[in-house]
Amino acid sequence: MNASWRTTIAGIAAIVAAICGVVSALVDNNPATNPDWATTIAAITAGLGLISARDNGVTSEDAGAK
């Protein structure tokens, strides 16, 4: 894990929540329930952005940027 552990955990949580929502909609026996793919893609994209982001309390040297 990188030095920005707070945002990395938030990103992983966003991705896991999106995947759980899709799996829940797919295994539901209700044929009217379909996964919301736009929301899923947005949540996964946000999660990837959070994983690559740097915490405010982490210096550039700690993050390896300099």
PDB file of N, CA and C in Angstrom:
ATOM      1  N   MET A   1       0.851  -1.170   0.000  1.00  0.00           N
ATOM      2  CA  MET A   1       0.000   0.000   0.000  1.00  0.00           C
ATOM      3  C   MET A   1       0.898   1.235   0.000  1.00  0.00           C
ATOM      4  N   ASN A   2       0.424   2.283  -0.610  1.00  0.00           N
ATOM      5  CA  ASN A   2       1.235   3.496  -0.672  1.00  0.00           C
ATOM      6  C   ASN A   2       1.114   4.319   0.611  1.00  0.00           C
ATOM      7  N   ALA A   3       1.790   5.444   0.667  1.00  0.00           N
ATOM      8  CA  ALA A   3       1.805   6.271   1.871  1.00  0.00           C
ATOM      9  C   ALA A   3       0.465   6.947   2.127  1.00  0.00           C
ATOM     10  N   SER A   4      -0.402   7.010   1.156  1.00  0.00           N
ATOM     11  CA  SER A   4      -1.707   7.647   1.307  1.00  0.00           C
ATOM     12  C   SER A   4      -2.759   6.580   1.637  1.00  0.00           C
ATOM     13  N   TRP A   5      -2.618   6.004   2.797  1.00  0.00           N
ATOM     14  CA  TRP A   5      -3.452   4.867   3.143  1.00  0.00           C
ATOM     15  C   TRP A   5      -4.916   5.238   3.349  1.00  0.00           C
ATOM     16  N   ARG A   6      -5.205   6.453   3.756  1.00  0.00           N
ATOM     17  CA  ARG A   6      -6.600   6.855   3.996  1.00  0.00           C
ATOM     18  C   ARG A   6      -7.396   6.885   2.690  1.00  0.00           C
ATOM     19  N   THR A   7      -6.841   7.523   1.685  1.00  0.00           N
ATOM     20  CA  THR A   7      -7.559   7.600   0.411  1.00  0.00           C
ATOM     21  C   THR A   7      -7.549   6.256  -0.303  1.00  0.00           C
ATOM     22  N   THR A   8      -6.511   5.467  -0.093  1.00  0.00           N
ATOM     23  CA  THR A   8      -6.476   4.132  -0.704  1.00  0.00           C
ATOM     24  C   THR A   8      -7.593   3.263  -0.144  1.00  0.00           C
ATOM     25  N   ILE A   9      -7.793   3.308   1.161  1.00  0.00           N
ATOM     26  CA  ILE A   9      -8.873   2.529   1.775  1.00  0.00           C
ATOM     27  C   ILE A   9     -10.234   3.018   1.303  1.00  0.00           C
ATOM     28  N   ALA A  10     -10.403   4.324   1.183  1.00  0.00           N
ATOM     29  CA  ALA A  10     -11.673   4.866   0.689  1.00  0.00           C
ATOM     30  C   ALA A  10     -11.925   4.433  -0.752  1.00  0.00           C
ATOM     31  N   GLY A  11     -10.880   4.396  -1.574  1.00  0.00           N
ATOM     32  CA  GLY A  11     -11.023   3.952  -2.953  1.00  0.00           C
ATOM     33  C   GLY A  11     -11.395   2.488  -3.057  1.00  0.00           C
ATOM     34  N   ILE A  12     -10.744   1.667  -2.250  1.00  0.00           N
ATOM     35  CA  ILE A  12     -11.064   0.234  -2.248  1.00  0.00           C
ATOM     36  C   ILE A  12     -12.494   0.013  -1.775  1.00  0.00           C
ATOM     37  N   ALA A  13     -12.921   0.763  -0.763  1.00  0.00           N
ATOM     38  CA  ALA A  13     -14.291   0.637  -0.260  1.00  0.00           C
ATOM     39  C   ALA A  13     -15.316   1.037  -1.324  1.00  0.00           C
ATOM     40  N   ALA A  14     -15.025   2.072  -2.091  1.00  0.00           N
ATOM     41  CA  ALA A  14     -15.947   2.499  -3.152  1.00  0.00           C
ATOM     42  C   ALA A  14     -16.074   1.427  -4.232  1.00  0.00           C
ATOM     43  N   ILE A  15     -14.953   0.811  -4.592  1.00  0.00           N
ATOM     44  CA  ILE A  15     -14.978  -0.230  -5.618  1.00  0.00           C
ATOM     45  C   ILE A  15     -15.712  -1.469  -5.119  1.00  0.00           C
ATOM     46  N   VAL A  16     -15.448  -1.866  -3.876  1.00  0.00           N
ATOM     47  CA  VAL A  16     -16.121  -3.039  -3.309  1.00  0.00           C
ATOM     48  C   VAL A  16     -17.624  -2.799  -3.206  1.00  0.00           C
ATOM     49  N   ALA A  17     -18.030  -1.600  -2.801  1.00  0.00           N
ATOM     50  CA  ALA A  17     -19.454  -1.288  -2.699  1.00  0.00           C
ATOM     51  C   ALA A  17     -20.132  -1.338  -4.069  1.00  0.00           C
ATOM     52  N   ALA A  18     -19.454  -0.848  -5.096  1.00  0.00           N
ATOM     53  CA  ALA A  18     -20.021  -0.886  -6.446  1.00  0.00           C
ATOM     54  C   ALA A  18     -20.178  -2.323  -6.937  1.00  0.00           C
ATOM     55  N   ILE A  19     -19.166  -3.130  -6.695  1.00  0.00           N
ATOM     56  CA  ILE A  19     -19.224  -4.531  -7.138  1.00  0.00           C
ATOM     57  C   ILE A  19     -20.300  -5.289  -6.363  1.00  0.00           C
ATOM     58  N   CYS A  20     -20.421  -5.027  -5.071  1.00  0.00           N
ATOM     59  CA  CYS A  20     -21.463  -5.689  -4.275  1.00  0.00           C
ATOM     60  C   CYS A  20     -22.861  -5.310  -4.752  1.00  0.00           C
ATOM     61  N   GLY A  21     -23.034  -4.057  -5.163  1.00  0.00           N
ATOM     62  CA  GLY A  21     -24.337  -3.641  -5.686  1.00  0.00           C
ATOM     63  C   GLY A  21     -24.698  -4.354  -6.972  1.00  0.00           C
ATOM     64  N   VAL A  22     -23.720  -4.545  -7.842  1.00  0.00           N
ATOM     65  CA  VAL A  22     -23.972  -5.258  -9.096  1.00  0.00           C
ATOM     66  C   VAL A  22     -24.269  -6.728  -8.828  1.00  0.00           C
ATOM     67  N   VAL A  23     -23.474  -7.346  -7.977  1.00  0.00           N
ATOM     68  CA  VAL A  23     -23.688  -8.768  -7.664  1.00  0.00           C
ATOM     69  C   VAL A  23     -25.046  -8.967  -7.015  1.00  0.00           C
ATOM     70  N   SER A  24     -25.416  -8.067  -6.120  1.00  0.00           N
ATOM     71  CA  SER A  24     -26.715  -8.162  -5.469  1.00  0.00           C
ATOM     72  C   SER A  24     -27.855  -8.067  -6.476  1.00  0.00           C
ATOM     73  N   ALA A  25     -27.729  -7.166  -7.428  1.00  0.00           N
ATOM     74  CA  ALA A  25     -28.779  -7.012  -8.445  1.00  0.00           C
ATOM     75  C   ALA A  25     -28.827  -8.214  -9.386  1.00  0.00           C
ATOM     76  N   LEU A  26     -27.667  -8.811  -9.659  1.00  0.00           N
ATOM     77  CA  LEU A  26     -27.629  -9.944 -10.581  1.00  0.00           C
ATOM     78  C   LEU A  26     -28.156 -11.235  -9.959  1.00  0.00           C
ATOM     79  N   VAL A  27     -27.916 -11.457  -8.676  1.00  0.00           N
ATOM     80  CA  VAL A  27     -28.352 -12.711  -8.053  1.00  0.00           C
ATOM     81  C   VAL A  27     -29.765 -12.614  -7.483  1.00  0.00           C
ATOM     82  N   ASP A  28     -30.344 -11.428  -7.504  1.00  0.00           N
ATOM     83  CA  ASP A  28     -31.715 -11.257  -7.038  1.00  0.00           C
ATOM     84  C   ASP A  28     -32.652 -11.993  -7.991  1.00  0.00           C
ATOM     85  N   ASN A  29     -33.651 -12.640  -7.444  1.00  0.00           N
ATOM     86  CA  ASN A  29     -34.593 -13.390  -8.280  1.00  0.00           C
ATOM     87  C   ASN A  29     -35.633 -12.507  -8.940  1.00  0.00           C
ATOM     88  N   ASN A  30     -35.591 -11.222  -8.702  1.00  0.00           N
ATOM     89  CA  ASN A  30     -36.547 -10.299  -9.290  1.00  0.00           C
ATOM     90  C   ASN A  30     -36.042  -9.875 -10.669  1.00  0.00           C
ATOM     91  N   PRO A  31     -36.737 -10.243 -11.738  1.00  0.00           N
ATOM     92  CA  PRO A  31     -36.260  -9.876 -13.083  1.00  0.00           C
ATOM     93  C   PRO A  31     -36.338  -8.375 -13.361  1.00  0.00           C
ATOM     94  N   ALA A  32     -37.089  -7.626 -12.561  1.00  0.00           N
ATOM     95  CA  ALA A  32     -37.198  -6.185 -12.768  1.00  0.00           C
ATOM     96  C   ALA A  32     -35.989  -5.439 -12.204  1.00  0.00           C
ATOM     97  N   THR A  33     -35.175  -6.122 -11.411  1.00  0.00           N
ATOM     98  CA  THR A  33     -34.010  -5.488 -10.807  1.00  0.00           C
ATOM     99  C   THR A  33     -32.803  -5.680 -11.717  1.00  0.00           C
ATOM    100  N   ASN A  34     -32.325  -4.605 -12.269  1.00  0.00           N
ATOM    101  CA  ASN A  34     -31.144  -4.634 -13.124  1.00  0.00           C
ATOM    102  C   ASN A  34     -30.059  -3.761 -12.499  1.00  0.00           C
ATOM    103  N   PRO A  35     -28.798  -4.136 -12.707  1.00  0.00           N
ATOM    104  CA  PRO A  35     -27.723  -3.279 -12.180  1.00  0.00           C
ATOM    105  C   PRO A  35     -27.727  -1.918 -12.866  1.00  0.00           C
ATOM    106  N   ASP A  36     -27.406  -0.894 -12.111  1.00  0.00           N
ATOM    107  CA  ASP A  36     -27.272   0.454 -12.662  1.00  0.00           C
ATOM    108  C   ASP A  36     -25.822   0.612 -13.099  1.00  0.00           C
ATOM    109  N   TRP A  37     -25.574   0.367 -14.386  1.00  0.00           N
ATOM    110  CA  TRP A  37     -24.203   0.322 -14.887  1.00  0.00           C
ATOM    111  C   TRP A  37     -23.536   1.692 -14.869  1.00  0.00           C
ATOM    112  N   ALA A  38     -24.280   2.742 -15.087  1.00  0.00           N
ATOM    113  CA  ALA A  38     -23.684   4.088 -15.067  1.00  0.00           C
ATOM    114  C   ALA A  38     -23.162   4.430 -13.674  1.00  0.00           C
ATOM    115  N   THR A  39     -23.944   4.117 -12.653  1.00  0.00           N
ATOM    116  CA  THR A  39     -23.515   4.360 -11.285  1.00  0.00           C
ATOM    117  C   THR A  39     -22.333   3.471 -10.910  1.00  0.00           C
ATOM    118  N   THR A  40     -22.356   2.241 -11.377  1.00  0.00           N
ATOM    119  CA  THR A  40     -21.259   1.317 -11.092  1.00  0.00           C
ATOM    120  C   THR A  40     -19.959   1.803 -11.710  1.00  0.00           C
ATOM    121  N   ILE A  41     -20.009   2.221 -12.955  1.00  0.00           N
ATOM    122  CA  ILE A  41     -18.798   2.715 -13.627  1.00  0.00           C
ATOM    123  C   ILE A  41     -18.292   3.984 -12.948  1.00  0.00           C
ATOM    124  N   ALA A  42     -19.214   4.870 -12.541  1.00  0.00           N
ATOM    125  CA  ALA A  42     -18.815   6.094 -11.851  1.00  0.00           C
ATOM    126  C   ALA A  42     -18.156   5.788 -10.508  1.00  0.00           C
ATOM    127  N   ALA A  43     -18.702   4.834  -9.767  1.00  0.00           N
ATOM    128  CA  ALA A  43     -18.130   4.485  -8.462  1.00  0.00           C
ATOM    129  C   ALA A  43     -16.763   3.832  -8.609  1.00  0.00           C
ATOM    130  N   ILE A  44     -16.600   2.977  -9.604  1.00  0.00           N
ATOM    131  CA  ILE A  44     -15.302   2.333  -9.824  1.00  0.00           C
ATOM    132  C   ILE A  44     -14.277   3.365 -10.271  1.00  0.00           C
ATOM    133  N   THR A  45     -14.674   4.284 -11.126  1.00  0.00           N
ATOM    134  CA  THR A  45     -13.762   5.345 -11.560  1.00  0.00           C
ATOM    135  C   THR A  45     -13.358   6.230 -10.381  1.00  0.00           C
ATOM    136  N   ALA A  46     -14.308   6.578  -9.537  1.00  0.00           N
ATOM    137  CA  ALA A  46     -13.991   7.375  -8.344  1.00  0.00           C
ATOM    138  C   ALA A  46     -13.059   6.604  -7.413  1.00  0.00           C
ATOM    139  N   GLY A  47     -13.296   5.314  -7.268  1.00  0.00           N
ATOM    140  CA  GLY A  47     -12.429   4.499  -6.431  1.00  0.00           C
ATOM    141  C   GLY A  47     -11.007   4.443  -6.954  1.00  0.00           C
ATOM    142  N   LEU A  48     -10.859   4.320  -8.257  1.00  0.00           N
ATOM    143  CA  LEU A  48      -9.512   4.313  -8.843  1.00  0.00           C
ATOM    144  C   LEU A  48      -8.834   5.670  -8.648  1.00  0.00           C
ATOM    145  N   GLY A  49      -9.600   6.733  -8.748  1.00  0.00           N
ATOM    146  CA  GLY A  49      -9.047   8.061  -8.501  1.00  0.00           C
ATOM    147  C   GLY A  49      -8.603   8.230  -7.064  1.00  0.00           C
ATOM    148  N   LEU A  50      -9.379   7.695  -6.141  1.00  0.00           N
ATOM    149  CA  LEU A  50      -8.998   7.780  -4.732  1.00  0.00           C
ATOM    150  C   LEU A  50      -7.756   6.940  -4.438  1.00  0.00           C
ATOM    151  N   ILE A  51      -7.641   5.802  -5.085  1.00  0.00           N
ATOM    152  CA  ILE A  51      -6.463   4.966  -4.874  1.00  0.00           C
ATOM    153  C   ILE A  51      -5.202   5.691  -5.338  1.00  0.00           C
ATOM    154  N   SER A  52      -5.302   6.416  -6.424  1.00  0.00           N
ATOM    155  CA  SER A  52      -4.120   7.101  -6.946  1.00  0.00           C
ATOM    156  C   SER A  52      -3.900   8.480  -6.325  1.00  0.00           C
ATOM    157  N   ALA A  53      -4.839   8.955  -5.508  1.00  0.00           N
ATOM    158  CA  ALA A  53      -4.714  10.283  -4.894  1.00  0.00           C
ATOM    159  C   ALA A  53      -3.768  10.252  -3.700  1.00  0.00           C
ATOM    160  N   ARG A  54      -3.363  11.434  -3.291  1.00  0.00           N
ATOM    161  CA  ARG A  54      -2.464  11.561  -2.147  1.00  0.00           C
ATOM    162  C   ARG A  54      -3.201  12.259  -1.014  1.00  0.00           C
ATOM    163  N   ASP A  55      -2.996  11.781   0.211  1.00  0.00           N
ATOM    164  CA  ASP A  55      -3.599  12.419   1.378  1.00  0.00           C
ATOM    165  C   ASP A  55      -3.030  13.816   1.574  1.00  0.00           C
ATOM    166  N   ASN A  56      -3.812  14.684   2.188  1.00  0.00           N
ATOM    167  CA  ASN A  56      -3.362  16.040   2.464  1.00  0.00           C
ATOM    168  C   ASN A  56      -2.200  16.053   3.458  1.00  0.00           C
ATOM    169  N   GLY A  57      -2.171  15.102   4.384  1.00  0.00           N
ATOM    170  CA  GLY A  57      -1.132  15.062   5.399  1.00  0.00           C
ATOM    171  C   GLY A  57       0.159  14.382   4.961  1.00  0.00           C
ATOM    172  N   VAL A  58       0.235  13.924   3.724  1.00  0.00           N
ATOM    173  CA  VAL A  58       1.416  13.218   3.229  1.00  0.00           C
ATOM    174  C   VAL A  58       2.246  14.192   2.402  1.00  0.00           C
ATOM    175  N   THR A  59       3.527  14.303   2.720  1.00  0.00           N
ATOM    176  CA  THR A  59       4.393  15.198   1.956  1.00  0.00           C
ATOM    177  C   THR A  59       4.760  14.563   0.627  1.00  0.00           C
ATOM    178  N   SER A  60       5.267  15.383  -0.275  1.00  0.00           N
ATOM    179  CA  SER A  60       5.686  14.875  -1.584  1.00  0.00           C
ATOM    180  C   SER A  60       6.811  13.862  -1.452  1.00  0.00           C
ATOM    181  N   GLU A  61       7.709  14.101  -0.499  1.00  0.00           N
ATOM    182  CA  GLU A  61       8.812  13.157  -0.298  1.00  0.00           C
ATOM    183  C   GLU A  61       8.305  11.820   0.229  1.00  0.00           C
ATOM    184  N   ASP A  62       7.326  11.860   1.162  1.00  0.00           N
ATOM    185  CA  ASP A  62       6.763  10.619   1.684  1.00  0.00           C
ATOM    186  C   ASP A  62       6.029   9.833   0.617  1.00  0.00           C
ATOM    187  N   ALA A  63       5.378  10.539  -0.307  1.00  0.00           N
ATOM    188  CA  ALA A  63       4.626   9.877  -1.371  1.00  0.00           C
ATOM    189  C   ALA A  63       5.509   9.435  -2.516  1.00  0.00           C
ATOM    190  N   GLY A  64       6.780   9.866  -2.522  1.00  0.00           N
ATOM    191  CA  GLY A  64       7.685   9.477  -3.589  1.00  0.00           C
ATOM    192  C   GLY A  64       7.574  10.340  -4.819  1.00  0.00           C
ATOM    193  N   ALA A  65       6.957  11.526  -4.690  1.00  0.00           N
ATOM    194  CA  ALA A  65       6.776  12.409  -5.843  1.00  0.00           C
ATOM    195  C   ALA A  65       8.035  13.217  -6.137  1.00  0.00           C
ATOM    196  N   LYS A  66       8.905  13.380  -5.164  1.00  0.00           N
ATOM    197  CA  LYS A  66      10.134  14.140  -5.368  1.00  0.00           C
ATOM    198  C   LYS A  66      11.338  13.287  -5.073  1.00  0.00           C
TER     199      LYS A  66
END
